[in-house]
Amino acid sequence: MLKDHIHWMKLALEEAEIAFYEDEIPVGAVILKNGELAAKNHNRTRQLSDPTAHCEKLIVEQIIDRGEKYLYNYTLYVTLEPCMMCAGMLVLARIGKIVFGCYDPKTGATGSLYNITSDKQLNHNPETISGILSDDCSSLLKLFFQSKR
């Protein structure tokens, strides 16, 4: 199972690298349906002039545009812990599983700053796995922000 998580996180990291070279904050994601790749994307907040254009949101919109409403049979791999907006959206979309790379102590909402996806007051709590290729995910973000200083 860990081998599968590493494989899919590497694909999410490829998306994050694309974002890096497009001068976007380098966060990437892939989503699987029943173990098969369904979509992939990366942050596009600058390209779309939209502060909500996080890769998680863009990927879920791709799936919804195909006629899906709830994502129980989907697994999202994302290089950075989802923020409050994305974690809330993933709960509302009823995602089955979230797998992320590195924690985000400033805005993370899946275990760091908040834990929206485990809040028992909400009607859905997706399975969450963290720390897959954490060092690789974190290094890309650090490199990006160092280049901005």
N, C-alpha and C. Protein backbone atom coordinates (compact mmCIF):
# COMPACT_ATOMS: atom_id res chain seq x y z
N MET A 1 0.82 -1.20 0.00
CA MET A 1 0.00 0.00 0.00
C MET A 1 0.86 1.27 0.00
N LEU A 2 1.93 1.29 0.82
CA LEU A 2 2.82 2.45 0.85
C LEU A 2 3.43 2.70 -0.52
N LYS A 3 3.75 1.61 -1.23
CA LYS A 3 4.31 1.73 -2.58
C LYS A 3 3.34 2.46 -3.51
N ASP A 4 2.05 2.15 -3.40
CA ASP A 4 1.03 2.84 -4.21
C ASP A 4 0.94 4.31 -3.84
N HIS A 5 0.96 4.60 -2.54
CA HIS A 5 0.90 5.99 -2.10
C HIS A 5 2.09 6.78 -2.65
N ILE A 6 3.26 6.19 -2.61
CA ILE A 6 4.46 6.85 -3.12
C ILE A 6 4.33 7.10 -4.63
N HIS A 7 3.84 6.11 -5.35
CA HIS A 7 3.66 6.27 -6.80
C HIS A 7 2.75 7.46 -7.13
N TRP A 8 1.60 7.53 -6.48
CA TRP A 8 0.64 8.60 -6.79
C TRP A 8 1.12 9.96 -6.29
N MET A 9 1.84 9.97 -5.14
CA MET A 9 2.36 11.25 -4.65
C MET A 9 3.45 11.77 -5.58
N LYS A 10 4.21 10.88 -6.19
CA LYS A 10 5.21 11.33 -7.18
C LYS A 10 4.53 12.01 -8.36
N LEU A 11 3.39 11.50 -8.76
CA LEU A 11 2.64 12.13 -9.84
C LEU A 11 2.11 13.50 -9.40
N ALA A 12 1.66 13.60 -8.17
CA ALA A 12 1.22 14.90 -7.63
C ALA A 12 2.41 15.87 -7.57
N LEU A 13 3.58 15.36 -7.22
CA LEU A 13 4.79 16.19 -7.19
C LEU A 13 5.16 16.70 -8.58
N GLU A 14 4.92 15.89 -9.60
CA GLU A 14 5.16 16.35 -10.97
C GLU A 14 4.27 17.55 -11.29
N GLU A 15 3.03 17.49 -10.84
CA GLU A 15 2.12 18.64 -11.02
C GLU A 15 2.63 19.85 -10.25
N ALA A 16 3.13 19.63 -9.04
CA ALA A 16 3.68 20.73 -8.24
C ALA A 16 4.89 21.36 -8.94
N GLU A 17 5.70 20.54 -9.58
CA GLU A 17 6.86 21.06 -10.32
C GLU A 17 6.42 21.91 -11.50
N ILE A 18 5.35 21.51 -12.16
CA ILE A 18 4.80 22.33 -13.25
C ILE A 18 4.39 23.69 -12.69
N ALA A 19 3.71 23.68 -11.56
CA ALA A 19 3.31 24.94 -10.92
C ALA A 19 4.53 25.79 -10.61
N PHE A 20 5.58 25.18 -10.10
CA PHE A 20 6.82 25.89 -9.78
C PHE A 20 7.33 26.64 -11.01
N TYR A 21 7.41 25.96 -12.13
CA TYR A 21 7.93 26.57 -13.35
C TYR A 21 6.97 27.57 -13.98
N GLU A 22 5.70 27.52 -13.57
CA GLU A 22 4.72 28.52 -14.02
C GLU A 22 4.62 29.67 -13.04
N ASP A 23 5.50 29.71 -12.05
CA ASP A 23 5.54 30.74 -11.01
C ASP A 23 4.28 30.73 -10.14
N GLU A 24 3.72 29.55 -9.97
CA GLU A 24 2.60 29.34 -9.05
C GLU A 24 3.16 28.69 -7.78
N ILE A 25 2.49 28.86 -6.67
CA ILE A 25 2.91 28.14 -5.47
C ILE A 25 2.85 26.66 -5.79
N PRO A 26 3.97 25.95 -5.61
CA PRO A 26 4.09 24.58 -6.12
C PRO A 26 3.37 23.52 -5.28
N VAL A 27 2.08 23.44 -5.51
CA VAL A 27 1.27 22.40 -4.90
C VAL A 27 0.56 21.67 -6.04
N GLY A 28 0.63 20.36 -6.02
CA GLY A 28 0.01 19.56 -7.06
C GLY A 28 -0.87 18.47 -6.47
N ALA A 29 -1.79 17.98 -7.29
CA ALA A 29 -2.71 16.95 -6.82
C ALA A 29 -3.11 16.03 -7.96
N VAL A 30 -3.41 14.81 -7.58
CA VAL A 30 -4.04 13.85 -8.48
C VAL A 30 -5.21 13.23 -7.73
N ILE A 31 -6.19 12.77 -8.47
CA ILE A 31 -7.35 12.13 -7.85
C ILE A 31 -7.62 10.82 -8.57
N LEU A 32 -7.90 9.80 -7.78
CA LEU A 32 -8.17 8.47 -8.31
C LEU A 32 -9.62 8.11 -8.03
N LYS A 33 -10.20 7.39 -8.95
CA LYS A 33 -11.52 6.79 -8.71
C LYS A 33 -11.32 5.28 -8.76
N ASN A 34 -11.64 4.65 -7.65
CA ASN A 34 -11.47 3.20 -7.55
C ASN A 34 -10.07 2.76 -7.98
N GLY A 35 -9.07 3.54 -7.60
CA GLY A 35 -7.68 3.18 -7.87
C GLY A 35 -7.15 3.57 -9.23
N GLU A 36 -7.95 4.20 -10.05
CA GLU A 36 -7.53 4.63 -11.39
C GLU A 36 -7.46 6.14 -11.46
N LEU A 37 -6.44 6.67 -12.15
CA LEU A 37 -6.28 8.11 -12.28
C LEU A 37 -7.50 8.72 -12.96
N ALA A 38 -8.09 9.72 -12.31
CA ALA A 38 -9.27 10.39 -12.85
C ALA A 38 -8.96 11.81 -13.31
N ALA A 39 -8.01 12.48 -12.63
CA ALA A 39 -7.66 13.85 -13.01
C ALA A 39 -6.39 14.26 -12.25
N LYS A 40 -5.75 15.29 -12.76
CA LYS A 40 -4.59 15.87 -12.08
C LYS A 40 -4.56 17.36 -12.36
N ASN A 41 -3.95 18.11 -11.44
CA ASN A 41 -3.90 19.55 -11.62
C ASN A 41 -2.91 20.13 -10.61
N HIS A 42 -2.70 21.42 -10.70
CA HIS A 42 -1.81 22.13 -9.78
C HIS A 42 -2.38 23.51 -9.52
N ASN A 43 -1.82 24.19 -8.51
CA ASN A 43 -2.30 25.53 -8.18
C ASN A 43 -2.23 26.44 -9.41
N ARG A 44 -3.24 27.28 -9.56
CA ARG A 44 -3.30 28.21 -10.69
C ARG A 44 -3.84 29.56 -10.25
N THR A 45 -3.55 29.97 -9.02
CA THR A 45 -4.11 31.22 -8.50
C THR A 45 -3.66 32.43 -9.30
N ARG A 46 -2.43 32.45 -9.73
CA ARG A 46 -1.93 33.59 -10.51
C ARG A 46 -2.45 33.53 -11.95
N GLN A 47 -2.40 32.38 -12.55
CA GLN A 47 -2.86 32.23 -13.94
C GLN A 47 -4.32 32.64 -14.11
N LEU A 48 -5.13 32.25 -13.14
CA LEU A 48 -6.57 32.51 -13.24
C LEU A 48 -7.00 33.77 -12.50
N SER A 49 -6.04 34.46 -11.87
CA SER A 49 -6.35 35.63 -11.04
C SER A 49 -7.47 35.31 -10.07
N ASP A 50 -7.33 34.16 -9.42
CA ASP A 50 -8.36 33.65 -8.53
C ASP A 50 -7.68 33.07 -7.29
N PRO A 51 -7.82 33.72 -6.14
CA PRO A 51 -7.16 33.22 -4.94
C PRO A 51 -7.70 31.86 -4.47
N THR A 52 -8.81 31.42 -5.03
CA THR A 52 -9.37 30.12 -4.65
C THR A 52 -8.98 29.00 -5.62
N ALA A 53 -8.14 29.28 -6.59
CA ALA A 53 -7.77 28.28 -7.60
C ALA A 53 -6.69 27.33 -7.09
N HIS A 54 -6.97 26.71 -5.95
CA HIS A 54 -6.07 25.70 -5.39
C HIS A 54 -6.27 24.40 -6.17
N CYS A 55 -5.23 23.59 -6.24
CA CYS A 55 -5.31 22.37 -7.04
C CYS A 55 -6.43 21.43 -6.57
N GLU A 56 -6.68 21.35 -5.27
CA GLU A 56 -7.74 20.49 -4.77
C GLU A 56 -9.10 20.93 -5.32
N LYS A 57 -9.34 22.22 -5.28
CA LYS A 57 -10.61 22.77 -5.76
C LYS A 57 -10.76 22.54 -7.27
N LEU A 58 -9.69 22.81 -8.01
CA LEU A 58 -9.74 22.64 -9.46
C LEU A 58 -10.00 21.19 -9.84
N ILE A 59 -9.40 20.28 -9.13
CA ILE A 59 -9.55 18.85 -9.44
C ILE A 59 -10.96 18.37 -9.12
N VAL A 60 -11.50 18.82 -7.99
CA VAL A 60 -12.88 18.42 -7.64
C VAL A 60 -13.86 19.01 -8.64
N GLU A 61 -13.62 20.23 -9.08
CA GLU A 61 -14.49 20.83 -10.10
C GLU A 61 -14.44 20.03 -11.40
N GLN A 62 -13.26 19.52 -11.78
CA GLN A 62 -13.16 18.69 -12.98
C GLN A 62 -14.06 17.46 -12.85
N ILE A 63 -14.04 16.82 -11.69
CA ILE A 63 -14.84 15.61 -11.49
C ILE A 63 -16.33 15.95 -11.47
N ILE A 64 -16.70 17.03 -10.80
CA ILE A 64 -18.11 17.44 -10.74
C ILE A 64 -18.62 17.79 -12.14
N ASP A 65 -17.77 18.43 -12.95
CA ASP A 65 -18.16 18.77 -14.32
C ASP A 65 -18.47 17.53 -15.15
N ARG A 66 -17.98 16.37 -14.72
CA ARG A 66 -18.26 15.10 -15.42
C ARG A 66 -19.56 14.46 -14.95
N GLY A 67 -20.24 15.12 -14.02
CA GLY A 67 -21.54 14.61 -13.58
C GLY A 67 -21.54 13.93 -12.22
N GLU A 68 -20.41 13.88 -11.56
CA GLU A 68 -20.37 13.30 -10.22
C GLU A 68 -20.88 14.32 -9.21
N LYS A 69 -21.50 13.85 -8.15
CA LYS A 69 -21.91 14.76 -7.08
C LYS A 69 -21.10 14.50 -5.83
N TYR A 70 -21.05 13.27 -5.40
CA TYR A 70 -20.29 12.90 -4.21
C TYR A 70 -19.12 12.00 -4.61
N LEU A 71 -18.03 12.14 -3.89
CA LEU A 71 -16.78 11.49 -4.29
C LEU A 71 -16.36 10.39 -3.32
N TYR A 72 -17.31 9.61 -2.86
CA TYR A 72 -17.02 8.54 -1.91
C TYR A 72 -15.94 7.58 -2.41
N ASN A 73 -15.93 7.29 -3.69
CA ASN A 73 -15.01 6.30 -4.27
C ASN A 73 -13.72 6.92 -4.79
N TYR A 74 -13.41 8.13 -4.34
CA TYR A 74 -12.24 8.84 -4.82
C TYR A 74 -11.20 8.99 -3.71
N THR A 75 -9.94 9.00 -4.14
CA THR A 75 -8.81 9.29 -3.26
C THR A 75 -8.04 10.46 -3.85
N LEU A 76 -7.83 11.48 -3.05
CA LEU A 76 -7.07 12.65 -3.47
C LEU A 76 -5.67 12.57 -2.89
N TYR A 77 -4.68 12.75 -3.75
CA TYR A 77 -3.28 12.88 -3.35
C TYR A 77 -2.89 14.32 -3.59
N VAL A 78 -2.38 14.99 -2.55
CA VAL A 78 -1.99 16.39 -2.68
C VAL A 78 -0.69 16.59 -1.92
N THR A 79 0.19 17.40 -2.47
CA THR A 79 1.53 17.54 -1.91
C THR A 79 1.57 18.33 -0.61
N LEU A 80 0.58 19.17 -0.35
CA LEU A 80 0.54 20.00 0.86
C LEU A 80 -0.80 19.78 1.56
N GLU A 81 -0.76 19.75 2.87
CA GLU A 81 -1.97 19.63 3.67
C GLU A 81 -3.02 20.65 3.22
N PRO A 82 -4.25 20.23 2.99
CA PRO A 82 -5.29 21.15 2.55
C PRO A 82 -5.56 22.27 3.56
N CYS A 83 -5.88 23.45 3.03
CA CYS A 83 -6.24 24.62 3.84
C CYS A 83 -7.71 24.48 4.29
N MET A 84 -8.20 25.48 5.00
CA MET A 84 -9.58 25.44 5.50
C MET A 84 -10.59 25.35 4.35
N MET A 85 -10.37 26.16 3.30
CA MET A 85 -11.30 26.15 2.18
C MET A 85 -11.35 24.76 1.54
N CYS A 86 -10.17 24.21 1.27
CA CYS A 86 -10.11 22.92 0.57
C CYS A 86 -10.59 21.77 1.45
N ALA A 87 -10.21 21.79 2.73
CA ALA A 87 -10.66 20.74 3.64
C ALA A 87 -12.19 20.76 3.76
N GLY A 88 -12.78 21.94 3.88
CA GLY A 88 -14.23 22.05 3.94
C GLY A 88 -14.89 21.56 2.67
N MET A 89 -14.33 21.94 1.53
CA MET A 89 -14.87 21.50 0.25
C MET A 89 -14.79 19.98 0.12
N LEU A 90 -13.68 19.38 0.57
CA LEU A 90 -13.52 17.93 0.47
C LEU A 90 -14.51 17.20 1.37
N VAL A 91 -14.81 17.76 2.52
CA VAL A 91 -15.84 17.18 3.39
C VAL A 91 -17.20 17.28 2.70
N LEU A 92 -17.53 18.45 2.16
CA LEU A 92 -18.82 18.63 1.50
C LEU A 92 -18.97 17.75 0.26
N ALA A 93 -17.85 17.50 -0.43
CA ALA A 93 -17.87 16.65 -1.62
C ALA A 93 -17.88 15.16 -1.26
N ARG A 94 -17.74 14.87 0.02
CA ARG A 94 -17.74 13.49 0.53
C ARG A 94 -16.61 12.64 -0.05
N ILE A 95 -15.41 13.26 -0.15
CA ILE A 95 -14.26 12.52 -0.66
C ILE A 95 -14.01 11.31 0.24
N GLY A 96 -13.63 10.21 -0.36
CA GLY A 96 -13.39 9.00 0.42
C GLY A 96 -12.11 9.03 1.23
N LYS A 97 -11.02 9.51 0.60
CA LYS A 97 -9.72 9.50 1.26
C LYS A 97 -8.88 10.67 0.78
N ILE A 98 -8.12 11.24 1.72
CA ILE A 98 -7.16 12.30 1.42
C ILE A 98 -5.78 11.80 1.84
N VAL A 99 -4.83 11.89 0.92
CA VAL A 99 -3.45 11.53 1.22
C VAL A 99 -2.62 12.77 0.90
N PHE A 100 -1.88 13.27 1.89
CA PHE A 100 -1.07 14.46 1.61
C PHE A 100 0.37 14.27 2.01
N GLY A 101 1.22 15.13 1.44
CA GLY A 101 2.65 15.05 1.66
C GLY A 101 3.06 15.71 2.95
N CYS A 102 3.27 17.02 2.90
CA CYS A 102 3.79 17.73 4.08
C CYS A 102 2.69 18.53 4.77
N TYR A 103 2.88 18.69 6.06
CA TYR A 103 1.97 19.52 6.85
C TYR A 103 2.21 20.99 6.55
N ASP A 104 1.16 21.79 6.77
CA ASP A 104 1.23 23.24 6.61
C ASP A 104 0.87 23.89 7.94
N PRO A 105 1.89 24.21 8.77
CA PRO A 105 1.60 24.73 10.10
C PRO A 105 0.93 26.11 10.12
N LYS A 106 0.96 26.82 8.99
CA LYS A 106 0.36 28.17 8.95
C LYS A 106 -1.11 28.15 8.56
N THR A 107 -1.49 27.27 7.63
CA THR A 107 -2.88 27.27 7.18
C THR A 107 -3.49 25.88 7.06
N GLY A 108 -2.80 24.86 7.51
CA GLY A 108 -3.29 23.49 7.38
C GLY A 108 -4.55 23.23 8.18
N ALA A 109 -5.48 22.52 7.55
CA ALA A 109 -6.76 22.26 8.20
C ALA A 109 -7.11 20.78 8.20
N THR A 110 -6.08 19.95 8.10
CA THR A 110 -6.28 18.50 8.12
C THR A 110 -5.34 17.88 9.15
N GLY A 111 -5.12 18.63 10.23
CA GLY A 111 -4.30 18.10 11.31
C GLY A 111 -3.36 19.09 11.95
N SER A 112 -2.93 20.12 11.24
CA SER A 112 -1.97 21.08 11.79
C SER A 112 -2.65 22.15 12.63
N LEU A 113 -3.10 23.18 11.96
CA LEU A 113 -3.73 24.31 12.63
C LEU A 113 -5.17 23.96 13.05
N TYR A 114 -5.87 23.30 12.15
CA TYR A 114 -7.24 22.84 12.39
C TYR A 114 -7.32 21.39 11.93
N ASN A 115 -8.44 20.75 12.24
CA ASN A 115 -8.65 19.39 11.74
C ASN A 115 -10.11 19.23 11.31
N ILE A 116 -10.43 19.94 10.25
CA ILE A 116 -11.79 19.95 9.73
C ILE A 116 -12.25 18.55 9.31
N THR A 117 -11.36 17.81 8.69
CA THR A 117 -11.75 16.51 8.14
C THR A 117 -12.02 15.46 9.22
N SER A 118 -11.62 15.73 10.45
CA SER A 118 -11.90 14.79 11.55
C SER A 118 -12.92 15.32 12.54
N ASP A 119 -13.53 16.45 12.24
CA ASP A 119 -14.51 17.05 13.14
C ASP A 119 -15.78 16.21 13.14
N LYS A 120 -16.06 15.58 14.27
CA LYS A 120 -17.21 14.67 14.38
C LYS A 120 -18.55 15.40 14.33
N GLN A 121 -18.53 16.73 14.42
CA GLN A 121 -19.78 17.49 14.29
C GLN A 121 -20.22 17.58 12.83
N LEU A 122 -19.32 17.29 11.91
CA LEU A 122 -19.65 17.34 10.49
C LEU A 122 -20.21 16.00 10.03
N ASN A 123 -20.91 16.01 8.91
CA ASN A 123 -21.61 14.82 8.45
C ASN A 123 -20.72 13.83 7.69
N HIS A 124 -19.47 14.17 7.46
CA HIS A 124 -18.56 13.26 6.73
C HIS A 124 -17.14 13.49 7.23
N ASN A 125 -16.44 12.40 7.43
CA ASN A 125 -15.04 12.47 7.85
C ASN A 125 -14.22 11.52 6.98
N PRO A 126 -13.56 12.08 5.94
CA PRO A 126 -12.77 11.21 5.06
C PRO A 126 -11.56 10.62 5.79
N GLU A 127 -11.17 9.44 5.37
CA GLU A 127 -9.92 8.86 5.86
C GLU A 127 -8.79 9.78 5.42
N THR A 128 -7.83 10.01 6.29
CA THR A 128 -6.72 10.91 5.97
C THR A 128 -5.40 10.25 6.31
N ILE A 129 -4.48 10.32 5.37
CA ILE A 129 -3.12 9.79 5.54
C ILE A 129 -2.16 10.93 5.25
N SER A 130 -1.17 11.11 6.10
CA SER A 130 -0.23 12.21 5.93
C SER A 130 1.21 11.71 5.87
N GLY A 131 2.10 12.59 5.40
CA GLY A 131 3.53 12.32 5.45
C GLY A 131 4.11 11.55 4.28
N ILE A 132 3.36 11.35 3.22
CA ILE A 132 3.88 10.60 2.07
C ILE A 132 4.80 11.53 1.27
N LEU A 133 6.07 11.16 1.16
CA LEU A 133 7.11 11.96 0.50
C LEU A 133 7.16 13.39 1.05
N SER A 134 6.96 13.49 2.34
CA SER A 134 6.91 14.79 3.01
C SER A 134 8.13 15.66 2.72
N ASP A 135 9.31 15.08 2.80
CA ASP A 135 10.54 15.87 2.59
C ASP A 135 10.60 16.43 1.17
N ASP A 136 10.23 15.63 0.18
CA ASP A 136 10.24 16.09 -1.21
C ASP A 136 9.22 17.21 -1.42
N CYS A 137 8.04 17.04 -0.86
CA CYS A 137 6.99 18.05 -1.00
C CYS A 137 7.41 19.35 -0.33
N SER A 138 7.96 19.24 0.86
CA SER A 138 8.39 20.42 1.61
C SER A 138 9.56 21.13 0.93
N SER A 139 10.50 20.36 0.41
CA SER A 139 11.69 20.94 -0.24
C SER A 139 11.32 21.81 -1.44
N LEU A 140 10.35 21.36 -2.22
CA LEU A 140 9.93 22.13 -3.39
C LEU A 140 9.32 23.46 -2.97
N LEU A 141 8.50 23.43 -1.94
CA LEU A 141 7.90 24.67 -1.43
C LEU A 141 8.96 25.62 -0.88
N LYS A 142 9.91 25.08 -0.12
CA LYS A 142 10.98 25.92 0.44
C LYS A 142 11.81 26.55 -0.67
N LEU A 143 12.13 25.78 -1.69
CA LEU A 143 12.91 26.30 -2.82
C LEU A 143 12.16 27.44 -3.51
N PHE A 144 10.87 27.26 -3.69
CA PHE A 144 10.05 28.29 -4.34
C PHE A 144 10.08 29.59 -3.53
N PHE A 145 9.83 29.50 -2.24
CA PHE A 145 9.76 30.70 -1.42
C PHE A 145 11.14 31.34 -1.21
N GLN A 146 12.19 30.55 -1.20
CA GLN A 146 13.54 31.09 -1.12
C GLN A 146 13.86 31.89 -2.38
N SER A 147 13.36 31.43 -3.51
CA SER A 147 13.62 32.14 -4.77
C SER A 147 12.89 33.47 -4.83
N LYS A 148 11.89 33.66 -3.97
CA LYS A 148 11.11 34.90 -3.95
C LYS A 148 11.71 35.96 -3.03
N ARG A 149 12.68 35.55 -2.21
CA ARG A 149 13.28 36.49 -1.23
C ARG A 149 14.46 37.18 -1.80
